N, C-alpha and C. Protein backbone atom coordinates (compact mmCIF):
# COMPACT_ATOMS: atom_id res chain seq x y z
N MET A 1 1.16 -1.20 0.43
CA MET A 1 0.44 0.17 -0.13
C MET A 1 0.58 1.22 0.05
N VAL A 2 2.06 1.47 1.22
CA VAL A 2 2.89 1.97 0.50
C VAL A 2 3.62 2.50 -0.72
N LEU A 3 3.87 1.45 -1.65
CA LEU A 3 4.59 1.17 -2.44
C LEU A 3 4.17 1.77 -3.38
N VAL A 4 2.30 1.66 -3.13
CA VAL A 4 1.38 2.39 -4.22
C VAL A 4 1.31 3.97 -3.94
N ALA A 5 0.98 4.08 -3.19
CA ALA A 5 1.25 5.86 -2.75
C ALA A 5 2.45 6.72 -3.51
N LEU A 6 3.62 5.71 -2.90
CA LEU A 6 4.77 6.93 -2.85
C LEU A 6 5.16 6.69 -4.45
N SER A 7 4.87 5.76 -5.14
CA SER A 7 4.71 5.62 -6.62
C SER A 7 4.01 6.71 -6.66
N THR A 8 2.62 6.95 -6.99
CA THR A 8 1.52 7.69 -7.85
C THR A 8 1.94 9.34 -7.29
N TRP A 9 2.57 9.43 -5.79
CA TRP A 9 3.44 10.90 -5.66
C TRP A 9 4.35 12.07 -6.50
N LEU A 10 5.21 10.26 -6.88
CA LEU A 10 6.29 10.60 -7.34
C LEU A 10 5.83 11.03 -8.83
N MET A 11 5.19 10.40 -9.39
CA MET A 11 4.15 10.40 -10.96
C MET A 11 4.30 12.05 -10.59
N LEU A 12 3.34 12.58 -9.94
CA LEU A 12 2.43 13.54 -10.09
C LEU A 12 3.36 14.93 -9.68
N ILE A 13 4.18 14.60 -9.03
CA ILE A 13 4.54 15.74 -8.46
C ILE A 13 5.42 16.45 -9.30
N PHE A 14 6.10 15.67 -10.23
CA PHE A 14 6.99 16.08 -11.37
C PHE A 14 6.42 16.34 -12.34
N ASN A 15 6.32 17.80 -13.25
CA ASN A 15 5.64 18.55 -13.85
C ASN A 15 6.69 17.81 -15.37
N PRO A 16 5.78 17.81 -16.57
CA PRO A 16 6.31 17.77 -17.72
C PRO A 16 7.54 17.82 -18.47
N ASP A 17 7.67 19.36 -17.85
CA ASP A 17 9.19 19.74 -18.79
C ASP A 17 10.25 19.35 -17.35
N GLY A 18 9.98 18.46 -16.76
CA GLY A 18 11.13 18.23 -15.84
C GLY A 18 11.52 19.28 -14.19
N SER A 19 10.72 20.14 -14.13
CA SER A 19 10.52 20.70 -12.98
C SER A 19 9.89 19.61 -12.08
N ILE A 20 9.75 20.91 -10.49
CA ILE A 20 9.28 19.62 -9.64
C ILE A 20 8.27 20.66 -9.33
N GLY A 21 7.43 19.83 -8.74
CA GLY A 21 5.87 20.72 -7.79
C GLY A 21 6.01 20.79 -6.58
N MET A 22 7.22 20.71 -5.83
CA MET A 22 7.04 20.92 -4.53
C MET A 22 6.96 22.10 -3.79
N TYR A 23 7.13 23.01 -4.92
CA TYR A 23 7.33 24.52 -4.54
C TYR A 23 6.09 25.16 -4.78
N ASN A 24 4.86 24.48 -4.88
CA ASN A 24 3.54 25.11 -5.28
C ASN A 24 2.71 23.92 -3.89
N ILE A 25 2.33 24.59 -2.77
CA ILE A 25 1.73 23.58 -1.90
C ILE A 25 0.51 22.95 -2.49
N ALA A 26 -0.39 23.58 -3.36
CA ALA A 26 -1.71 23.17 -4.16
C ALA A 26 -1.18 22.37 -4.87
N HIS A 27 -0.16 22.14 -5.44
CA HIS A 27 -0.07 21.39 -6.39
C HIS A 27 0.59 20.15 -5.21
N VAL A 28 1.49 20.37 -3.82
CA VAL A 28 1.43 18.64 -3.34
C VAL A 28 0.25 18.25 -2.35
N ALA A 29 -0.48 19.52 -2.08
CA ALA A 29 -1.84 18.86 -1.86
C ALA A 29 -2.47 18.19 -2.40
N VAL A 30 -2.79 18.07 -4.08
CA VAL A 30 -3.36 17.01 -4.92
C VAL A 30 -2.65 15.65 -4.82
N ALA A 31 -1.70 16.10 -4.98
CA ALA A 31 -0.91 14.49 -4.98
C ALA A 31 -0.43 14.24 -3.81
N VAL A 32 -0.73 14.47 -2.62
CA VAL A 32 -0.56 13.53 -1.64
C VAL A 32 -2.66 13.12 -1.85
N PHE A 33 -2.82 13.79 -2.00
CA PHE A 33 -4.41 13.15 -1.51
C PHE A 33 -4.90 12.15 -2.79
N ALA A 34 -4.29 12.04 -4.40
CA ALA A 34 -4.72 11.44 -4.82
C ALA A 34 -3.42 10.11 -4.57
N ALA A 35 -2.89 10.48 -4.11
CA ALA A 35 -1.68 8.97 -3.75
C ALA A 35 -2.57 8.09 -2.72
N VAL A 36 -3.14 9.05 -1.65
CA VAL A 36 -3.62 8.61 -0.49
C VAL A 36 -4.83 7.43 -1.42
N VAL A 37 -5.44 8.12 -1.95
CA VAL A 37 -6.73 7.67 -2.59
C VAL A 37 -6.47 6.41 -3.52
N ALA A 38 -5.24 6.57 -3.85
CA ALA A 38 -4.39 5.48 -4.78
C ALA A 38 -4.27 4.26 -3.95
N ALA A 39 -3.98 4.71 -2.55
CA ALA A 39 -3.60 3.54 -2.05
C ALA A 39 -4.99 2.93 -0.78
N LEU A 40 -5.56 3.55 -1.05
CA LEU A 40 -6.70 2.99 0.09
C LEU A 40 -7.47 2.26 -1.06
N SER A 41 -7.46 2.33 -2.96
CA SER A 41 -8.43 1.50 -3.51
C SER A 41 -7.76 0.57 -3.95
N LEU A 42 -6.99 -0.14 -3.04
CA LEU A 42 -6.17 -1.40 -3.10
C LEU A 42 -7.13 -1.90 -1.56
N ARG A 43 -7.40 -1.33 -0.93
CA ARG A 43 -8.32 -2.05 0.47
C ARG A 43 -9.22 -2.10 -0.29
N SER A 44 -10.09 -1.03 -0.90
CA SER A 44 -11.78 -0.67 -1.18
C SER A 44 -11.99 -1.03 -2.84
N PRO A 45 -12.65 -1.41 -3.53
CA PRO A 45 -12.66 -0.86 -4.89
C PRO A 45 -13.12 0.40 -5.11
N ASP A 46 -14.28 0.77 -3.90
CA ASP A 46 -14.42 2.88 -4.43
C ASP A 46 -14.58 3.28 -3.18
N PRO A 47 -13.23 3.77 -3.22
CA PRO A 47 -13.24 4.35 -1.74
C PRO A 47 -13.65 5.41 -1.48
N LEU A 48 -13.99 6.53 -2.82
CA LEU A 48 -14.46 7.93 -2.21
C LEU A 48 -16.07 7.50 -2.32
N HIS A 49 -16.73 6.48 -2.88
CA HIS A 49 -17.93 6.05 -2.77
C HIS A 49 -18.79 6.75 -4.12
N LEU A 50 -17.93 6.34 -5.00
CA LEU A 50 -18.61 7.88 -6.21
C LEU A 50 -19.82 6.71 -7.06
N ARG A 51 -19.96 5.06 -6.96
CA ARG A 51 -20.17 4.48 -7.68
C ARG A 51 -21.70 4.78 -6.91
N ALA A 52 -22.00 4.88 -5.50
CA ALA A 52 -23.27 4.96 -4.93
C ALA A 52 -23.92 6.00 -5.26
N ALA A 53 -23.26 7.00 -5.57
CA ALA A 53 -23.12 8.51 -5.46
C ALA A 53 -24.14 8.26 -7.31
N ALA A 54 -24.35 7.65 -8.03
CA ALA A 54 -24.15 7.81 -9.72
C ALA A 54 -25.40 7.24 -9.69
N ARG A 55 -25.89 6.22 -7.91
CA ARG A 55 -27.58 5.08 -8.90
C ARG A 55 -28.62 6.36 -8.34
């Protein structure tokens, strides 16, 4: 679970032009949120309960 979170965070923290997005707190917060959701998705198929809201 930690490996998934770390891998997702690393992929999102680097920008396509090669710069690092850690200088912007909003970018870091979004990357951390996405990493946590990715890690939680290993334990449950729909951690944000989006499928239930669509019904």
